[in-house]
Amino acid sequence: MSLLIGIENFKLDSNGRFKLPIAIKKQLEGDDCRFVIRPSIYANCLELWTYASFEAEIAQLQKELNPYSIEDRKMLRVLSAGNIVEMDTNDRIVIPAEQRDVIKRSKELVLLSTGKFMEIWDRDTYARMNNEATGYAEKVDERLGRISNAAES
């Protein structure tokens, strides 16, 4: 599984396609051009996973969740609800029509890599979220400031 790093602005064409930025494409391993796209459960954005990463994520969920629990089944249903999309010969990916509503059918988008997957944001929504994001230094210190570095031990 590739570690995906970067943030890119891009435009959606009239057919709902975008060209995968070259900086991101270079980070992808192998020749598999398949991805899974799904709505985020945390924000008004889409998540774009490599197929291999999504497959590993679902396998882990299936291992952790009880198939006989109603709540666990609901959780698996929501988290596995995505569409397989493929990159074409021009490095373009089509965002399925039903998922374009999540990003407000915007033409100006942001692709933000989170390491494990990428988020696709409407550019205005992303800018607004960034402007409202305050106090993260304190939150990071509170949450991670006491983690010891294994290399130092």
Protein backbone atom coordinates (compact mmCIF):
# COMPACT_ATOMS: atom_id res chain seq x y z
CA MET A 1 0.00 0.00 0.00
CA SER A 2 1.37 3.38 -1.00
CA LEU A 3 1.67 6.25 1.44
CA LEU A 4 -0.06 9.09 -0.38
CA ILE A 5 1.17 12.62 0.30
CA GLY A 6 0.16 15.92 -1.26
CA ILE A 7 -2.52 18.45 -1.94
CA GLU A 8 -3.56 19.42 -5.47
CA ASN A 9 -6.14 21.76 -6.98
CA PHE A 10 -7.87 20.49 -10.10
CA LYS A 11 -10.91 20.97 -12.30
CA LEU A 12 -13.70 18.58 -13.13
CA ASP A 13 -14.62 18.47 -16.82
CA SER A 14 -18.18 18.48 -18.17
CA ASN A 15 -18.27 14.66 -18.05
CA GLY A 16 -17.39 14.54 -14.34
CA ARG A 17 -13.78 13.50 -14.95
CA PHE A 18 -10.55 14.78 -13.49
CA LYS A 19 -6.97 14.08 -14.35
CA LEU A 20 -5.10 12.44 -11.51
CA PRO A 21 -2.27 14.85 -10.65
CA ILE A 22 1.13 13.53 -11.74
CA ALA A 23 2.58 14.07 -8.25
CA ILE A 24 -0.04 11.67 -6.85
CA LYS A 25 0.19 9.19 -9.74
CA LYS A 26 3.94 8.81 -9.21
CA GLN A 27 3.27 7.66 -5.64
CA LEU A 28 1.00 4.80 -6.67
CA GLU A 29 2.48 1.32 -6.72
CA GLY A 30 2.10 -1.11 -9.61
CA ASP A 31 -0.08 -0.99 -12.68
CA ASP A 32 -3.48 -1.28 -10.99
CA CYS A 33 -5.54 1.69 -12.19
CA ARG A 34 -8.58 0.82 -10.07
CA PHE A 35 -9.85 3.02 -7.27
CA VAL A 36 -12.84 3.06 -4.94
CA ILE A 37 -14.69 6.30 -4.35
CA ARG A 38 -17.14 6.77 -1.50
CA PRO A 39 -18.73 9.60 0.47
CA SER A 40 -16.94 10.43 3.70
CA ILE A 41 -18.87 9.79 6.90
CA TYR A 42 -17.01 12.67 8.57
CA ALA A 43 -17.28 15.60 6.16
CA ASN A 44 -18.86 16.84 2.93
CA CYS A 45 -16.18 15.32 0.75
CA LEU A 46 -15.46 12.13 -1.13
CA GLU A 47 -12.79 9.59 -0.29
CA LEU A 48 -10.70 8.12 -3.11
CA TRP A 49 -8.95 4.89 -2.17
CA THR A 50 -6.64 2.75 -4.23
CA TYR A 51 -8.41 -0.54 -4.80
CA ALA A 52 -5.75 -2.44 -2.84
CA SER A 53 -6.04 -0.09 0.16
CA PHE A 54 -9.82 -0.29 0.15
CA GLU A 55 -9.71 -4.07 -0.12
CA ALA A 56 -7.38 -4.22 2.92
CA GLU A 57 -9.61 -1.79 4.84
CA ILE A 58 -12.74 -3.88 4.22
CA ALA A 59 -10.91 -7.11 5.07
CA GLN A 60 -9.88 -5.54 8.41
CA LEU A 61 -13.46 -4.40 9.07
CA GLN A 62 -14.81 -7.87 8.29
CA LYS A 63 -12.30 -9.30 10.75
CA GLU A 64 -13.19 -6.80 13.50
CA LEU A 65 -16.98 -6.61 13.08
CA ASN A 66 -19.50 -9.27 14.04
CA PRO A 67 -21.65 -10.27 11.04
CA TYR A 68 -24.45 -11.28 13.44
CA SER A 69 -24.63 -7.86 15.08
CA ILE A 70 -27.19 -5.50 13.53
CA GLU A 71 -25.07 -2.44 14.37
CA ASP A 72 -21.89 -4.00 13.00
CA ARG A 73 -23.67 -4.97 9.77
CA LYS A 74 -24.97 -1.39 9.38
CA MET A 75 -21.47 -0.07 9.96
CA LEU A 76 -19.97 -2.43 7.37
CA ARG A 77 -22.71 -1.51 4.89
CA VAL A 78 -21.97 2.22 5.24
CA LEU A 79 -18.19 1.87 5.19
CA SER A 80 -18.12 -0.48 2.20
CA ALA A 81 -20.54 1.59 0.08
CA GLY A 82 -18.37 2.81 -2.74
CA ASN A 83 -17.99 2.68 -6.48
CA ILE A 84 -15.08 1.12 -8.32
CA VAL A 85 -13.65 3.60 -10.81
CA GLU A 86 -10.73 3.16 -13.18
CA MET A 87 -8.20 5.57 -14.51
CA ASP A 88 -8.44 5.82 -18.30
CA THR A 89 -5.50 6.00 -20.73
CA ASN A 90 -5.34 9.79 -20.20
CA ASP A 91 -5.03 9.38 -16.39
CA ARG A 92 -8.62 10.60 -15.86
CA ILE A 93 -11.05 9.30 -13.27
CA VAL A 94 -14.83 9.74 -13.51
CA ILE A 95 -16.67 10.71 -10.33
CA PRO A 96 -20.01 8.85 -10.48
CA ALA A 97 -22.97 11.21 -10.97
CA GLU A 98 -24.67 10.25 -7.69
CA GLN A 99 -21.50 11.14 -5.77
CA ARG A 100 -20.97 14.51 -7.43
CA ASP A 101 -23.77 15.89 -5.24
CA VAL A 102 -21.49 15.41 -2.21
CA ILE A 103 -19.06 17.92 -3.69
CA LYS A 104 -21.90 20.22 -4.80
CA ARG A 105 -21.31 19.40 -8.49
CA SER A 106 -18.47 21.89 -8.28
CA LYS A 107 -15.92 22.19 -11.08
CA GLU A 108 -13.15 23.55 -8.82
CA LEU A 109 -11.88 20.80 -6.51
CA VAL A 110 -9.09 19.95 -4.10
CA LEU A 111 -7.47 16.53 -3.80
CA LEU A 112 -5.97 16.09 -0.35
CA SER A 113 -3.91 13.00 0.45
CA THR A 114 -4.27 11.73 3.98
CA GLY A 115 -1.67 8.97 3.74
CA LYS A 116 -4.10 6.08 3.45
CA PHE A 117 -6.57 7.58 0.98
CA MET A 118 -7.34 10.88 -0.71
CA GLU A 119 -10.17 13.31 -0.03
CA ILE A 120 -11.92 15.20 -2.82
CA TRP A 121 -13.33 18.55 -1.69
CA ASP A 122 -15.25 21.35 -3.32
CA ARG A 123 -12.62 24.12 -3.29
CA ASP A 124 -14.83 26.65 -1.43
CA THR A 125 -15.86 24.12 1.23
CA TYR A 126 -12.23 23.14 1.74
CA ALA A 127 -11.13 26.79 2.08
CA ARG A 128 -13.93 27.49 4.56
CA MET A 129 -12.98 24.43 6.62
CA ASN A 130 -9.34 25.53 6.69
CA ASN A 131 -10.29 29.05 7.78
CA GLU A 132 -12.37 27.65 10.64
CA ALA A 133 -9.67 25.21 11.76
CA THR A 134 -8.09 26.75 14.82
CA GLY A 135 -6.50 25.40 17.94
CA TYR A 136 -4.94 22.34 16.32
CA ALA A 137 -1.54 22.85 17.91
CA GLU A 138 -3.16 22.44 21.33
CA LYS A 139 -5.20 19.45 20.16
CA VAL A 140 -2.14 17.75 18.71
CA ASP A 141 -0.18 18.40 21.90
CA GLU A 142 -3.05 17.06 24.01
CA ARG A 143 -3.52 13.95 21.90
CA LEU A 144 0.01 13.17 20.71
CA GLY A 145 2.34 15.21 22.90
CA ARG A 146 2.78 12.44 25.43
CA ILE A 147 3.47 9.65 22.94
CA SER A 148 6.98 8.38 23.45
CA ASN A 149 9.13 7.73 20.42
CA ALA A 150 9.92 4.01 20.27
CA ALA A 151 13.36 4.83 18.82
CA GLU A 152 14.23 6.86 21.92
CA SER A 153 13.41 4.00 24.31
